[in-house]
């Protein structure tokens, strides 16, 4: 029971980020698990 991972069907990344901001405005900190490794600079540099 380490992480409570949810997925909202059919939303975009931008909409996901909007939801996280709206939750933050109500004092609730959310997160994203994970940004896939190939999206990070170090792994792009590895090809």
ModelCIF file with pLDDT and N, C-alpha, C, O atoms, coordinates in Angstrom:
data_MODEL
#
_entry.id   MODEL 
#
_entity.id                         1 
_entity.type                       polymer 
_entity.pdbx_number_of_molecules   1 
#
_entity_poly.entity_id                      1 
_entity_poly.type                           'polypeptide(L)' 
_entity_poly.nstd_linkage                   no 
_entity_poly.nstd_monomer                   no 
_entity_poly.pdbx_seq_one_letter_code       
;(UNK)(UNK)(UNK)(UNK)(UNK)(UNK)(UNK)(UNK)(UNK)(UNK)(UNK)(UNK)(UNK)(UNK)(UNK)(UNK)
(UNK)(UNK)(UNK)(UNK)(UNK)(UNK)(UNK)(UNK)(UNK)(UNK)(UNK)(UNK)(UNK)(UNK)(UNK)(UNK)
(UNK)(UNK)(UNK)(UNK)(UNK)(UNK)(UNK)(UNK)(UNK)(UNK)(UNK)(UNK)(UNK)(UNK)(UNK)
;
_entity_poly.pdbx_seq_one_letter_code_can   XXXXXXXXXXXXXXXXXXXXXXXXXXXXXXXXXXXXXXXXXXXXXXX 
_entity_poly.pdbx_strand_id                 A 
#
loop_
_entity_poly_seq.entity_id 
_entity_poly_seq.num 
_entity_poly_seq.mon_id 
_entity_poly_seq.hetero 
1 1  UNK n 
1 2  UNK n 
1 3  UNK n 
1 4  UNK n 
1 5  UNK n 
1 6  UNK n 
1 7  UNK n 
1 8  UNK n 
1 9  UNK n 
1 10 UNK n 
1 11 UNK n 
1 12 UNK n 
1 13 UNK n 
1 14 UNK n 
1 15 UNK n 
1 16 UNK n 
1 17 UNK n 
1 18 UNK n 
1 19 UNK n 
1 20 UNK n 
1 21 UNK n 
1 22 UNK n 
1 23 UNK n 
1 24 UNK n 
1 25 UNK n 
1 26 UNK n 
1 27 UNK n 
1 28 UNK n 
1 29 UNK n 
1 30 UNK n 
1 31 UNK n 
1 32 UNK n 
1 33 UNK n 
1 34 UNK n 
1 35 UNK n 
1 36 UNK n 
1 37 UNK n 
1 38 UNK n 
1 39 UNK n 
1 40 UNK n 
1 41 UNK n 
1 42 UNK n 
1 43 UNK n 
1 44 UNK n 
1 45 UNK n 
1 46 UNK n 
1 47 UNK n 
#
_struct_asym.id          A 
_struct_asym.entity_id   1 
#
loop_
_ma_qa_metric.id 
_ma_qa_metric.mode 
_ma_qa_metric.name 
_ma_qa_metric.software_group_id 
_ma_qa_metric.type 
1 global pLDDT . pLDDT 
2 local  pLDDT . pLDDT 
#
_ma_qa_metric_global.metric_id      1 
_ma_qa_metric_global.metric_value   97.77 
_ma_qa_metric_global.model_id       1 
_ma_qa_metric_global.ordinal_id     1 
#
loop_
_ma_qa_metric_local.label_asym_id 
_ma_qa_metric_local.label_comp_id 
_ma_qa_metric_local.label_seq_id 
_ma_qa_metric_local.metric_id 
_ma_qa_metric_local.metric_value 
_ma_qa_metric_local.model_id 
_ma_qa_metric_local.ordinal_id 
A UNK 1  2 98.00 1 1  
A UNK 2  2 98.00 1 2  
A UNK 3  2 98.00 1 3  
A UNK 4  2 98.00 1 4  
A UNK 5  2 98.00 1 5  
A UNK 6  2 98.00 1 6  
A UNK 7  2 98.00 1 7  
A UNK 8  2 98.00 1 8  
A UNK 9  2 97.00 1 9  
A UNK 10 2 95.00 1 10 
A UNK 11 2 97.00 1 11 
A UNK 12 2 97.00 1 12 
A UNK 13 2 97.00 1 13 
A UNK 14 2 98.00 1 14 
A UNK 15 2 98.00 1 15 
A UNK 16 2 98.00 1 16 
A UNK 17 2 98.00 1 17 
A UNK 18 2 98.00 1 18 
A UNK 19 2 98.00 1 19 
A UNK 20 2 98.00 1 20 
A UNK 21 2 98.00 1 21 
A UNK 22 2 98.00 1 22 
A UNK 23 2 98.00 1 23 
A UNK 24 2 98.00 1 24 
A UNK 25 2 97.00 1 25 
A UNK 26 2 97.00 1 26 
A UNK 27 2 98.00 1 27 
A UNK 28 2 98.00 1 28 
A UNK 29 2 98.00 1 29 
A UNK 30 2 98.00 1 30 
A UNK 31 2 98.00 1 31 
A UNK 32 2 98.00 1 32 
A UNK 33 2 98.00 1 33 
A UNK 34 2 96.00 1 34 
A UNK 35 2 98.00 1 35 
A UNK 36 2 98.00 1 36 
A UNK 37 2 98.00 1 37 
A UNK 38 2 98.00 1 38 
A UNK 39 2 98.00 1 39 
A UNK 40 2 98.00 1 40 
A UNK 41 2 98.00 1 41 
A UNK 42 2 98.00 1 42 
A UNK 43 2 98.00 1 43 
A UNK 44 2 98.00 1 44 
A UNK 45 2 98.00 1 45 
A UNK 46 2 98.00 1 46 
A UNK 47 2 98.00 1 47 
#
loop_
_atom_site.group_PDB 
_atom_site.id 
_atom_site.type_symbol 
_atom_site.label_atom_id 
_atom_site.label_alt_id 
_atom_site.label_comp_id 
_atom_site.label_asym_id 
_atom_site.label_entity_id 
_atom_site.label_seq_id 
_atom_site.pdbx_PDB_ins_code 
_atom_site.Cartn_x 
_atom_site.Cartn_y 
_atom_site.Cartn_z 
_atom_site.occupancy 
_atom_site.B_iso_or_equiv 
_atom_site.pdbx_formal_charge 
_atom_site.auth_seq_id 
_atom_site.auth_comp_id 
_atom_site.auth_asym_id 
_atom_site.auth_atom_id 
_atom_site.pdbx_PDB_model_num 
ATOM 1   N N  . UNK A 1 1  ? 0.807   -1.219 0.000   1.00 98.00 ? 1  UNK A N  1 
ATOM 2   C CA . UNK A 1 1  ? 0.000   0.000  0.000   1.00 98.00 ? 1  UNK A CA 1 
ATOM 3   C C  . UNK A 1 1  ? 0.838   1.266  0.000   1.00 98.00 ? 1  UNK A C  1 
ATOM 4   O O  . UNK A 1 1  ? 0.533   2.219  0.718   1.00 98.00 ? 1  UNK A O  1 
ATOM 5   N N  . UNK A 1 2  ? 1.898   1.278  -0.806  1.00 98.00 ? 2  UNK A N  1 
ATOM 6   C CA . UNK A 1 2  ? 2.804   2.430  -0.746  1.00 98.00 ? 2  UNK A CA 1 
ATOM 7   C C  . UNK A 1 2  ? 2.269   3.656  -1.478  1.00 98.00 ? 2  UNK A C  1 
ATOM 8   O O  . UNK A 1 2  ? 2.317   4.765  -0.947  1.00 98.00 ? 2  UNK A O  1 
ATOM 9   N N  . UNK A 1 3  ? 1.760   3.466  -2.692  1.00 98.00 ? 3  UNK A N  1 
ATOM 10  C CA . UNK A 1 3  ? 1.272   4.603  -3.476  1.00 98.00 ? 3  UNK A CA 1 
ATOM 11  C C  . UNK A 1 3  ? -0.169  4.371  -3.900  1.00 98.00 ? 3  UNK A C  1 
ATOM 12  O O  . UNK A 1 3  ? -0.554  3.260  -4.264  1.00 98.00 ? 3  UNK A O  1 
ATOM 13  N N  . UNK A 1 4  ? -0.973  5.456  -3.846  1.00 98.00 ? 4  UNK A N  1 
ATOM 14  C CA . UNK A 1 4  ? -2.334  5.352  -4.374  1.00 98.00 ? 4  UNK A CA 1 
ATOM 15  C C  . UNK A 1 4  ? -2.342  6.006  -5.748  1.00 98.00 ? 4  UNK A C  1 
ATOM 16  O O  . UNK A 1 4  ? -2.497  7.220  -5.882  1.00 98.00 ? 4  UNK A O  1 
ATOM 17  N N  . UNK A 1 5  ? -2.172  5.168  -6.761  1.00 98.00 ? 5  UNK A N  1 
ATOM 18  C CA . UNK A 1 5  ? -2.056  5.603  -8.152  1.00 98.00 ? 5  UNK A CA 1 
ATOM 19  C C  . UNK A 1 5  ? -3.429  5.582  -8.809  1.00 98.00 ? 5  UNK A C  1 
ATOM 20  O O  . UNK A 1 5  ? -4.115  4.560  -8.804  1.00 98.00 ? 5  UNK A O  1 
ATOM 21  N N  . UNK A 1 6  ? -3.826  6.722  -9.377  1.00 98.00 ? 6  UNK A N  1 
ATOM 22  C CA . UNK A 1 6  ? -5.096  6.801  -10.096 1.00 98.00 ? 6  UNK A CA 1 
ATOM 23  C C  . UNK A 1 6  ? -4.836  7.209  -11.543 1.00 98.00 ? 6  UNK A C  1 
ATOM 24  O O  . UNK A 1 6  ? -3.827  7.839  -11.860 1.00 98.00 ? 6  UNK A O  1 
ATOM 25  N N  . UNK A 1 7  ? -5.769  6.835  -12.405 1.00 98.00 ? 7  UNK A N  1 
ATOM 26  C CA . UNK A 1 7  ? -5.728  7.270  -13.802 1.00 98.00 ? 7  UNK A CA 1 
ATOM 27  C C  . UNK A 1 7  ? -7.120  7.746  -14.187 1.00 98.00 ? 7  UNK A C  1 
ATOM 28  O O  . UNK A 1 7  ? -8.119  7.073  -13.935 1.00 98.00 ? 7  UNK A O  1 
ATOM 29  N N  . UNK A 1 8  ? -7.161  8.918  -14.801 1.00 98.00 ? 8  UNK A N  1 
ATOM 30  C CA . UNK A 1 8  ? -8.430  9.518  -15.222 1.00 98.00 ? 8  UNK A CA 1 
ATOM 31  C C  . UNK A 1 8  ? -8.597  9.267  -16.715 1.00 98.00 ? 8  UNK A C  1 
ATOM 32  O O  . UNK A 1 8  ? -7.836  9.814  -17.513 1.00 98.00 ? 8  UNK A O  1 
ATOM 33  N N  . UNK A 1 9  ? -9.572  8.454  -17.113 1.00 97.00 ? 9  UNK A N  1 
ATOM 34  C CA . UNK A 1 9  ? -9.710  8.089  -18.523 1.00 97.00 ? 9  UNK A CA 1 
ATOM 35  C C  . UNK A 1 9  ? -9.836  9.298  -19.447 1.00 97.00 ? 9  UNK A C  1 
ATOM 36  O O  . UNK A 1 9  ? -10.596 10.231 -19.185 1.00 97.00 ? 9  UNK A O  1 
ATOM 37  N N  . UNK A 1 10 ? -9.072  9.251  -20.531 1.00 95.00 ? 10 UNK A N  1 
ATOM 38  C CA . UNK A 1 10 ? -9.201  10.162 -21.672 1.00 95.00 ? 10 UNK A CA 1 
ATOM 39  C C  . UNK A 1 10 ? -8.698  11.578 -21.426 1.00 95.00 ? 10 UNK A C  1 
ATOM 40  O O  . UNK A 1 10 ? -8.822  12.414 -22.321 1.00 95.00 ? 10 UNK A O  1 
ATOM 41  N N  . UNK A 1 11 ? -8.142  11.889 -20.269 1.00 97.00 ? 11 UNK A N  1 
ATOM 42  C CA . UNK A 1 11 ? -7.643  13.253 -20.091 1.00 97.00 ? 11 UNK A CA 1 
ATOM 43  C C  . UNK A 1 11 ? -6.241  13.381 -20.687 1.00 97.00 ? 11 UNK A C  1 
ATOM 44  O O  . UNK A 1 11 ? -5.550  12.384 -20.899 1.00 97.00 ? 11 UNK A O  1 
ATOM 45  N N  . UNK A 1 12 ? -5.832  14.625 -20.954 1.00 97.00 ? 12 UNK A N  1 
ATOM 46  C CA . UNK A 1 12 ? -4.504  14.908 -21.491 1.00 97.00 ? 12 UNK A CA 1 
ATOM 47  C C  . UNK A 1 12 ? -3.543  15.218 -20.344 1.00 97.00 ? 12 UNK A C  1 
ATOM 48  O O  . UNK A 1 12 ? -3.953  15.376 -19.194 1.00 97.00 ? 12 UNK A O  1 
ATOM 49  N N  . UNK A 1 13 ? -2.262  15.301 -20.682 1.00 97.00 ? 13 UNK A N  1 
ATOM 50  C CA . UNK A 1 13 ? -1.259  15.698 -19.678 1.00 97.00 ? 13 UNK A CA 1 
ATOM 51  C C  . UNK A 1 13 ? -1.595  17.063 -19.096 1.00 97.00 ? 13 UNK A C  1 
ATOM 52  O O  . UNK A 1 13 ? -1.471  17.286 -17.892 1.00 97.00 ? 13 UNK A O  1 
ATOM 53  N N  . UNK A 1 14 ? -2.018  17.967 -19.961 1.00 98.00 ? 14 UNK A N  1 
ATOM 54  C CA . UNK A 1 14 ? -2.342  19.332 -19.516 1.00 98.00 ? 14 UNK A CA 1 
ATOM 55  C C  . UNK A 1 14 ? -3.513  19.316 -18.535 1.00 98.00 ? 14 UNK A C  1 
ATOM 56  O O  . UNK A 1 14 ? -3.493  20.023 -17.527 1.00 98.00 ? 14 UNK A O  1 
ATOM 57  N N  . UNK A 1 15 ? -4.525  18.516 -18.829 1.00 98.00 ? 15 UNK A N  1 
ATOM 58  C CA . UNK A 1 15 ? -5.666  18.414 -17.920 1.00 98.00 ? 15 UNK A CA 1 
ATOM 59  C C  . UNK A 1 15 ? -5.260  17.761 -16.598 1.00 98.00 ? 15 UNK A C  1 
ATOM 60  O O  . UNK A 1 15 ? -5.728  18.160 -15.531 1.00 98.00 ? 15 UNK A O  1 
ATOM 61  N N  . UNK A 1 16 ? -4.385  16.754 -16.678 1.00 98.00 ? 16 UNK A N  1 
ATOM 62  C CA . UNK A 1 16 ? -3.875  16.128 -15.459 1.00 98.00 ? 16 UNK A CA 1 
ATOM 63  C C  . UNK A 1 16 ? -3.187  17.166 -14.576 1.00 98.00 ? 16 UNK A C  1 
ATOM 64  O O  . UNK A 1 16 ? -3.402  17.214 -13.365 1.00 98.00 ? 16 UNK A O  1 
ATOM 65  N N  . UNK A 1 17 ? -2.356  17.993 -15.205 1.00 98.00 ? 17 UNK A N  1 
ATOM 66  C CA . UNK A 1 17 ? -1.647  19.021 -14.443 1.00 98.00 ? 17 UNK A CA 1 
ATOM 67  C C  . UNK A 1 17 ? -2.610  20.046 -13.851 1.00 98.00 ? 17 UNK A C  1 
ATOM 68  O O  . UNK A 1 17 ? -2.381  20.547 -12.750 1.00 98.00 ? 17 UNK A O  1 
ATOM 69  N N  . UNK A 1 18 ? -3.676  20.359 -14.567 1.00 98.00 ? 18 UNK A N  1 
ATOM 70  C CA . UNK A 1 18 ? -4.712  21.268 -14.045 1.00 98.00 ? 18 UNK A CA 1 
ATOM 71  C C  . UNK A 1 18 ? -5.328  20.691 -12.770 1.00 98.00 ? 18 UNK A C  1 
ATOM 72  O O  . UNK A 1 18 ? -5.521  21.405 -11.785 1.00 98.00 ? 18 UNK A O  1 
ATOM 73  N N  . UNK A 1 19 ? -5.633  19.400 -12.799 1.00 98.00 ? 19 UNK A N  1 
ATOM 74  C CA . UNK A 1 19 ? -6.249  18.752 -11.633 1.00 98.00 ? 19 UNK A CA 1 
ATOM 75  C C  . UNK A 1 19 ? -5.311  18.819 -10.434 1.00 98.00 ? 19 UNK A C  1 
ATOM 76  O O  . UNK A 1 19 ? -5.745  19.099 -9.317  1.00 98.00 ? 19 UNK A O  1 
ATOM 77  N N  . UNK A 1 20 ? -4.032  18.563 -10.665 1.00 98.00 ? 20 UNK A N  1 
ATOM 78  C CA . UNK A 1 20 ? -3.053  18.608 -9.571  1.00 98.00 ? 20 UNK A CA 1 
ATOM 79  C C  . UNK A 1 20 ? -2.979  20.019 -8.979  1.00 98.00 ? 20 UNK A C  1 
ATOM 80  O O  . UNK A 1 20 ? -2.884  20.184 -7.762  1.00 98.00 ? 20 UNK A O  1 
ATOM 81  N N  . UNK A 1 21 ? -3.022  21.032 -9.847  1.00 98.00 ? 21 UNK A N  1 
ATOM 82  C CA . UNK A 1 21 ? -2.994  22.419 -9.366  1.00 98.00 ? 21 UNK A CA 1 
ATOM 83  C C  . UNK A 1 21 ? -4.254  22.737 -8.567  1.00 98.00 ? 21 UNK A C  1 
ATOM 84  O O  . UNK A 1 21 ? -4.179  23.370 -7.514  1.00 98.00 ? 21 UNK A O  1 
ATOM 85  N N  . UNK A 1 22 ? -5.409  22.300 -9.063  1.00 98.00 ? 22 UNK A N  1 
ATOM 86  C CA . UNK A 1 22 ? -6.666  22.551 -8.343  1.00 98.00 ? 22 UNK A CA 1 
ATOM 87  C C  . UNK A 1 22 ? -6.662  21.865 -6.977  1.00 98.00 ? 22 UNK A C  1 
ATOM 88  O O  . UNK A 1 22 ? -7.157  22.426 -5.999  1.00 98.00 ? 22 UNK A O  1 
ATOM 89  N N  . UNK A 1 23 ? -6.109  20.665 -6.907  1.00 98.00 ? 23 UNK A N  1 
ATOM 90  C CA . UNK A 1 23 ? -5.988  19.986 -5.605  1.00 98.00 ? 23 UNK A CA 1 
ATOM 91  C C  . UNK A 1 23 ? -5.059  20.761 -4.684  1.00 98.00 ? 23 UNK A C  1 
ATOM 92  O O  . UNK A 1 23 ? -5.332  20.890 -3.490  1.00 98.00 ? 23 UNK A O  1 
ATOM 93  N N  . UNK A 1 24 ? -3.968  21.276 -5.230  1.00 98.00 ? 24 UNK A N  1 
ATOM 94  C CA . UNK A 1 24 ? -3.015  22.056 -4.432  1.00 98.00 ? 24 UNK A CA 1 
ATOM 95  C C  . UNK A 1 24 ? -3.666  23.325 -3.895  1.00 98.00 ? 24 UNK A C  1 
ATOM 96  O O  . UNK A 1 24 ? -3.390  23.744 -2.770  1.00 98.00 ? 24 UNK A O  1 
ATOM 97  N N  . UNK A 1 25 ? -4.527  23.932 -4.701  1.00 97.00 ? 25 UNK A N  1 
ATOM 98  C CA . UNK A 1 25 ? -5.227  25.144 -4.262  1.00 97.00 ? 25 UNK A CA 1 
ATOM 99  C C  . UNK A 1 25 ? -6.150  24.854 -3.075  1.00 97.00 ? 25 UNK A C  1 
ATOM 100 O O  . UNK A 1 25 ? -6.484  25.755 -2.306  1.00 97.00 ? 25 UNK A O  1 
ATOM 101 N N  . UNK A 1 26 ? -6.554  23.602 -2.936  1.00 97.00 ? 26 UNK A N  1 
ATOM 102 C CA . UNK A 1 26 ? -7.380  23.198 -1.795  1.00 97.00 ? 26 UNK A CA 1 
ATOM 103 C C  . UNK A 1 26 ? -6.540  22.576 -0.675  1.00 97.00 ? 26 UNK A C  1 
ATOM 104 O O  . UNK A 1 26 ? -7.074  21.990 0.267   1.00 97.00 ? 26 UNK A O  1 
ATOM 105 N N  . UNK A 1 27 ? -5.217  22.715 -0.796  1.00 98.00 ? 27 UNK A N  1 
ATOM 106 C CA . UNK A 1 27 ? -4.317  22.286 0.266   1.00 98.00 ? 27 UNK A CA 1 
ATOM 107 C C  . UNK A 1 27 ? -3.911  20.828 0.227   1.00 98.00 ? 27 UNK A C  1 
ATOM 108 O O  . UNK A 1 27 ? -3.399  20.301 1.215   1.00 98.00 ? 27 UNK A O  1 
ATOM 109 N N  . UNK A 1 28 ? -4.131  20.166 -0.906  1.00 98.00 ? 28 UNK A N  1 
ATOM 110 C CA . UNK A 1 28 ? -3.837  18.728 -1.021  1.00 98.00 ? 28 UNK A CA 1 
ATOM 111 C C  . UNK A 1 28 ? -2.693  18.529 -2.019  1.00 98.00 ? 28 UNK A C  1 
ATOM 112 O O  . UNK A 1 28 ? -2.828  18.850 -3.199  1.00 98.00 ? 28 UNK A O  1 
ATOM 113 N N  . UNK A 1 29 ? -1.590  18.008 -1.545  1.00 98.00 ? 29 UNK A N  1 
ATOM 114 C CA . UNK A 1 29 ? -0.433  17.775 -2.401  1.00 98.00 ? 29 UNK A CA 1 
ATOM 115 C C  . UNK A 1 29 ? -0.570  16.431 -3.115  1.00 98.00 ? 29 UNK A C  1 
ATOM 116 O O  . UNK A 1 29 ? -0.732  15.393 -2.474  1.00 98.00 ? 29 UNK A O  1 
ATOM 117 N N  . UNK A 1 30 ? -0.504  16.458 -4.433  1.00 98.00 ? 30 UNK A N  1 
ATOM 118 C CA . UNK A 1 30 ? -0.533  15.231 -5.237  1.00 98.00 ? 30 UNK A CA 1 
ATOM 119 C C  . UNK A 1 30 ? 0.788   15.098 -5.977  1.00 98.00 ? 30 UNK A C  1 
ATOM 120 O O  . UNK A 1 30 ? 1.632   15.993 -5.921  1.00 98.00 ? 30 UNK A O  1 
ATOM 121 N N  . UNK A 1 31 ? 0.963   13.987 -6.664  1.00 98.00 ? 31 UNK A N  1 
ATOM 122 C CA . UNK A 1 31 ? 2.223   13.720 -7.337  1.00 98.00 ? 31 UNK A CA 1 
ATOM 123 C C  . UNK A 1 31 ? 1.953   12.913 -8.603  1.00 98.00 ? 31 UNK A C  1 
ATOM 124 O O  . UNK A 1 31 ? 0.809   12.562 -8.892  1.00 98.00 ? 31 UNK A O  1 
ATOM 125 N N  . UNK A 1 32 ? 3.008   12.622 -9.352  1.00 98.00 ? 32 UNK A N  1 
ATOM 126 C CA . UNK A 1 32 ? 2.907   11.779 -10.547 1.00 98.00 ? 32 UNK A CA 1 
ATOM 127 C C  . UNK A 1 32 ? 3.965   10.683 -10.446 1.00 98.00 ? 32 UNK A C  1 
ATOM 128 O O  . UNK A 1 32 ? 5.139   10.974 -10.215 1.00 98.00 ? 32 UNK A O  1 
ATOM 129 N N  . UNK A 1 33 ? 3.562   9.443  -10.615 1.00 98.00 ? 33 UNK A N  1 
ATOM 130 C CA . UNK A 1 33 ? 4.484   8.289  -10.581 1.00 98.00 ? 33 UNK A CA 1 
ATOM 131 C C  . UNK A 1 33 ? 4.263   7.430  -11.819 1.00 98.00 ? 33 UNK A C  1 
ATOM 132 O O  . UNK A 1 33 ? 3.275   6.697  -11.878 1.00 98.00 ? 33 UNK A O  1 
ATOM 133 N N  . UNK A 1 34 ? 5.136   7.493  -12.795 1.00 96.00 ? 34 UNK A N  1 
ATOM 134 C CA . UNK A 1 34 ? 6.327   8.309  -12.909 1.00 96.00 ? 34 UNK A CA 1 
ATOM 135 C C  . UNK A 1 34 ? 6.377   8.933  -14.281 1.00 96.00 ? 34 UNK A C  1 
ATOM 136 O O  . UNK A 1 34 ? 5.642   8.534  -15.184 1.00 96.00 ? 34 UNK A O  1 
ATOM 137 N N  . UNK A 1 35 ? 7.243   9.912  -14.438 1.00 98.00 ? 35 UNK A N  1 
ATOM 138 C CA . UNK A 1 35 ? 7.622   10.357 -15.771 1.00 98.00 ? 35 UNK A CA 1 
ATOM 139 C C  . UNK A 1 35 ? 8.558   9.293  -16.323 1.00 98.00 ? 35 UNK A C  1 
ATOM 140 O O  . UNK A 1 35 ? 9.622   9.064  -15.748 1.00 98.00 ? 35 UNK A O  1 
ATOM 141 N N  . UNK A 1 36 ? 8.195   8.629  -17.428 1.00 98.00 ? 36 UNK A N  1 
ATOM 142 C CA . UNK A 1 36 ? 9.026   7.524  -17.921 1.00 98.00 ? 36 UNK A CA 1 
ATOM 143 C C  . UNK A 1 36 ? 10.469  7.944  -18.165 1.00 98.00 ? 36 UNK A C  1 
ATOM 144 O O  . UNK A 1 36 ? 10.738  9.079  -18.558 1.00 98.00 ? 36 UNK A O  1 
ATOM 145 N N  . UNK A 1 37 ? 11.385  7.025  -17.930 1.00 98.00 ? 37 UNK A N  1 
ATOM 146 C CA . UNK A 1 37 ? 12.812  7.338  -18.038 1.00 98.00 ? 37 UNK A CA 1 
ATOM 147 C C  . UNK A 1 37 ? 13.203  7.920  -19.396 1.00 98.00 ? 37 UNK A C  1 
ATOM 148 O O  . UNK A 1 37 ? 14.023  8.837  -19.435 1.00 98.00 ? 37 UNK A O  1 
ATOM 149 N N  . UNK A 1 38 ? 12.648  7.426  -20.522 1.00 98.00 ? 38 UNK A N  1 
ATOM 150 C CA . UNK A 1 38 ? 13.070  7.986  -21.819 1.00 98.00 ? 38 UNK A CA 1 
ATOM 151 C C  . UNK A 1 38 ? 12.704  9.455  -22.013 1.00 98.00 ? 38 UNK A C  1 
ATOM 152 O O  . UNK A 1 38 ? 13.155  10.072 -22.978 1.00 98.00 ? 38 UNK A O  1 
ATOM 153 N N  . UNK A 1 39 ? 11.900  10.029 -21.124 1.00 98.00 ? 39 UNK A N  1 
ATOM 154 C CA . UNK A 1 39 ? 11.539  11.445 -21.216 1.00 98.00 ? 39 UNK A CA 1 
ATOM 155 C C  . UNK A 1 39 ? 12.544  12.334 -20.494 1.00 98.00 ? 39 UNK A C  1 
ATOM 156 O O  . UNK A 1 39 ? 12.500  13.556 -20.637 1.00 98.00 ? 39 UNK A O  1 
ATOM 157 N N  . UNK A 1 40 ? 13.451  11.737 -19.717 1.00 98.00 ? 40 UNK A N  1 
ATOM 158 C CA . UNK A 1 40 ? 14.440  12.502 -18.969 1.00 98.00 ? 40 UNK A CA 1 
ATOM 159 C C  . UNK A 1 40 ? 15.703  12.713 -19.795 1.00 98.00 ? 40 UNK A C  1 
ATOM 160 O O  . UNK A 1 40 ? 16.072  11.867 -20.610 1.00 98.00 ? 40 UNK A O  1 
ATOM 161 N N  . UNK A 1 41 ? 16.357  13.844 -19.580 1.00 98.00 ? 41 UNK A N  1 
ATOM 162 C CA . UNK A 1 41 ? 17.539  14.218 -20.359 1.00 98.00 ? 41 UNK A CA 1 
ATOM 163 C C  . UNK A 1 41 ? 18.624  13.144 -20.342 1.00 98.00 ? 41 UNK A C  1 
ATOM 164 O O  . UNK A 1 41 ? 19.182  12.809 -21.386 1.00 98.00 ? 41 UNK A O  1 
ATOM 165 N N  . UNK A 1 42 ? 18.921  12.607 -19.167 1.00 98.00 ? 42 UNK A N  1 
ATOM 166 C CA . UNK A 1 42 ? 20.005  11.619 -19.057 1.00 98.00 ? 42 UNK A CA 1 
ATOM 167 C C  . UNK A 1 42 ? 19.761  10.414 -19.956 1.00 98.00 ? 42 UNK A C  1 
ATOM 168 O O  . UNK A 1 42 ? 20.693  9.882  -20.559 1.00 98.00 ? 42 UNK A O  1 
ATOM 169 N N  . UNK A 1 43 ? 18.508  9.988  -20.041 1.00 98.00 ? 43 UNK A N  1 
ATOM 170 C CA . UNK A 1 43 ? 18.190  8.796  -20.831 1.00 98.00 ? 43 UNK A CA 1 
ATOM 171 C C  . UNK A 1 43 ? 18.029  9.134  -22.318 1.00 98.00 ? 43 UNK A C  1 
ATOM 172 O O  . UNK A 1 43 ? 18.304  8.302  -23.183 1.00 98.00 ? 43 UNK A O  1 
ATOM 173 N N  . UNK A 1 44 ? 17.584  10.348 -22.602 1.00 98.00 ? 44 UNK A N  1 
ATOM 174 C CA . UNK A 1 44 ? 17.604  10.802 -24.007 1.00 98.00 ? 44 UNK A CA 1 
ATOM 175 C C  . UNK A 1 44 ? 19.036  10.793 -24.524 1.00 98.00 ? 44 UNK A C  1 
ATOM 176 O O  . UNK A 1 44 ? 19.303  10.388 -25.656 1.00 98.00 ? 44 UNK A O  1 
ATOM 177 N N  . UNK A 1 45 ? 19.961  11.251 -23.664 1.00 98.00 ? 45 UNK A N  1 
ATOM 178 C CA . UNK A 1 45 ? 21.367  11.298 -24.060 1.00 98.00 ? 45 UNK A CA 1 
ATOM 179 C C  . UNK A 1 45 ? 21.965  9.907  -24.262 1.00 98.00 ? 45 UNK A C  1 
ATOM 180 O O  . UNK A 1 45 ? 22.975  9.753  -24.949 1.00 98.00 ? 45 UNK A O  1 
ATOM 181 N N  . UNK A 1 46 ? 21.341  8.900  -23.665 1.00 98.00 ? 46 UNK A N  1 
ATOM 182 C CA . UNK A 1 46 ? 21.774  7.514  -23.870 1.00 98.00 ? 46 UNK A CA 1 
ATOM 183 C C  . UNK A 1 46 ? 21.129  6.888  -25.106 1.00 98.00 ? 46 UNK A C  1 
ATOM 184 O O  . UNK A 1 46 ? 21.416  5.744  -25.459 1.00 98.00 ? 46 UNK A O  1 
ATOM 185 N N  . UNK A 1 47 ? 20.251  7.658  -25.760 1.00 98.00 ? 47 UNK A N  1 
ATOM 186 C CA . UNK A 1 47 ? 19.661  7.188  -27.015 1.00 98.00 ? 47 UNK A CA 1 
ATOM 187 C C  . UNK A 1 47 ? 18.238  6.680  -26.914 1.00 98.00 ? 47 UNK A C  1 
ATOM 188 O O  . UNK A 1 47 ? 17.659  6.265  -27.918 1.00 98.00 ? 47 UNK A O  1 
#
